[in-house]
């Protein structure tokens, strides 16, 4: 793993999105917490969208994945 000090701002956003993606999918595995997973991923998408469009697209896919399950 690379030291956080060596990551660019874009790389940091990407890594944060990976963590959010993983965290949002955890409650999404149980029907009673799936909505919360969608909310987490949607908030992360909203934050990433202006600065990291590719990252926002991945988070958008997470929201849609959770909504379909």
C-alpha atoms as a PDB file:
ATOM      1  CA  UNK A   1       0.000   0.000   0.000  1.00  0.00           C
ATOM      2  CA  UNK A   2       1.210   3.484  -0.866  1.00  0.00           C
ATOM      3  CA  UNK A   3       1.647   6.071   1.850  1.00  0.00           C
ATOM      4  CA  UNK A   4      -1.173   8.614   1.888  1.00  0.00           C
ATOM      5  CA  UNK A   5       1.433  11.380   1.647  1.00  0.00           C
ATOM      6  CA  UNK A   6       2.444  10.069  -1.788  1.00  0.00           C
ATOM      7  CA  UNK A   7      -1.065  10.171  -3.266  1.00  0.00           C
ATOM      8  CA  UNK A   8      -2.337  13.008  -5.419  1.00  0.00           C
ATOM      9  CA  UNK A   9      -5.671  14.626  -4.574  1.00  0.00           C
ATOM     10  CA  UNK A  10      -7.353  12.644  -7.367  1.00  0.00           C
ATOM     11  CA  UNK A  11      -5.851   9.383  -6.082  1.00  0.00           C
ATOM     12  CA  UNK A  12      -7.069  10.180  -2.575  1.00  0.00           C
ATOM     13  CA  UNK A  13     -10.601  10.799  -3.845  1.00  0.00           C
ATOM     14  CA  UNK A  14     -10.463   7.526  -5.755  1.00  0.00           C
ATOM     15  CA  UNK A  15      -9.324   5.578  -2.692  1.00  0.00           C
ATOM     16  CA  UNK A  16     -12.006   7.207  -0.542  1.00  0.00           C
ATOM     17  CA  UNK A  17     -14.601   6.245  -3.127  1.00  0.00           C
ATOM     18  CA  UNK A  18     -13.409   2.639  -3.020  1.00  0.00           C
ATOM     19  CA  UNK A  19     -13.891   2.621   0.751  1.00  0.00           C
ATOM     20  CA  UNK A  20     -17.334   4.191   0.496  1.00  0.00           C
ATOM     21  CA  UNK A  21     -18.276   1.744  -2.250  1.00  0.00           C
ATOM     22  CA  UNK A  22     -17.318  -1.194  -0.060  1.00  0.00           C
ATOM     23  CA  UNK A  23     -18.994   0.281   3.032  1.00  0.00           C
ATOM     24  CA  UNK A  24     -22.203   1.079   1.159  1.00  0.00           C
ATOM     25  CA  UNK A  25     -22.474  -2.471  -0.130  1.00  0.00           C
ATOM     26  CA  UNK A  26     -22.243  -3.999   3.359  1.00  0.00           C
ATOM     27  CA  UNK A  27     -25.645  -2.799   4.600  1.00  0.00           C
ATOM     28  CA  UNK A  28     -26.962  -3.413   1.106  1.00  0.00           C
ATOM     29  CA  UNK A  29     -26.649  -7.152   1.649  1.00  0.00           C
ATOM     30  CA  UNK A  30     -29.536  -7.165   4.093  1.00  0.00           C
ATOM     31  CA  UNK A  31     -32.953  -5.970   2.905  1.00  0.00           C
ATOM     32  CA  UNK A  32     -33.626  -3.936   6.038  1.00  0.00           C
ATOM     33  CA  UNK A  33     -30.425  -1.856   5.618  1.00  0.00           C
ATOM     34  CA  UNK A  34     -30.206  -1.638   1.811  1.00  0.00           C
ATOM     35  CA  UNK A  35     -31.720   1.856   1.771  1.00  0.00           C
ATOM     36  CA  UNK A  36     -28.963   3.119   4.093  1.00  0.00           C
ATOM     37  CA  UNK A  37     -26.327   1.703   1.736  1.00  0.00           C
ATOM     38  CA  UNK A  38     -27.952   3.590  -1.139  1.00  0.00           C
ATOM     39  CA  UNK A  39     -27.934   6.794   0.903  1.00  0.00           C
ATOM     40  CA  UNK A  40     -24.226   6.440   1.723  1.00  0.00           C
ATOM     41  CA  UNK A  41     -23.261   5.826  -1.883  1.00  0.00           C
ATOM     42  CA  UNK A  42     -25.475   8.686  -3.097  1.00  0.00           C
ATOM     43  CA  UNK A  43     -23.883  11.143  -0.672  1.00  0.00           C
ATOM     44  CA  UNK A  44     -20.419  10.066  -1.769  1.00  0.00           C
ATOM     45  CA  UNK A  45     -21.465  10.451  -5.424  1.00  0.00           C
ATOM     46  CA  UNK A  46     -22.691  13.977  -4.705  1.00  0.00           C
ATOM     47  CA  UNK A  47     -19.355  14.898  -3.117  1.00  0.00           C
ATOM     48  CA  UNK A  48     -17.188  13.289  -5.803  1.00  0.00           C
ATOM     49  CA  UNK A  49     -19.151  14.425  -8.872  1.00  0.00           C
ATOM     50  CA  UNK A  50     -17.652  17.913  -9.327  1.00  0.00           C
ATOM     51  CA  UNK A  51     -14.050  16.837  -8.687  1.00  0.00           C
ATOM     52  CA  UNK A  52     -13.775  13.235  -9.862  1.00  0.00           C
ATOM     53  CA  UNK A  53     -16.259  12.285 -12.587  1.00  0.00           C
ATOM     54  CA  UNK A  54     -14.903   8.747 -13.054  1.00  0.00           C
ATOM     55  CA  UNK A  55     -15.147   8.115  -9.332  1.00  0.00           C
ATOM     56  CA  UNK A  56     -18.676   9.523  -9.300  1.00  0.00           C
ATOM     57  CA  UNK A  57     -19.653   7.126 -12.103  1.00  0.00           C
ATOM     58  CA  UNK A  58     -18.464   4.161 -10.022  1.00  0.00           C
ATOM     59  CA  UNK A  59     -20.464   5.366  -7.024  1.00  0.00           C
ATOM     60  CA  UNK A  60     -23.500   5.903  -9.248  1.00  0.00           C
ATOM     61  CA  UNK A  61     -23.171   2.285 -10.351  1.00  0.00           C
ATOM     62  CA  UNK A  62     -23.128   1.246  -6.689  1.00  0.00           C
ATOM     63  CA  UNK A  63     -26.364   3.140  -6.028  1.00  0.00           C
ATOM     64  CA  UNK A  64     -28.022   1.429  -8.987  1.00  0.00           C
ATOM     65  CA  UNK A  65     -26.668  -1.969  -7.998  1.00  0.00           C
ATOM     66  CA  UNK A  66     -28.078  -1.630  -4.510  1.00  0.00           C
ATOM     67  CA  UNK A  67     -31.418  -0.358  -5.804  1.00  0.00           C
ATOM     68  CA  UNK A  68     -31.808  -3.429  -8.034  1.00  0.00           C
ATOM     69  CA  UNK A  69     -30.996  -6.006  -5.343  1.00  0.00           C
END
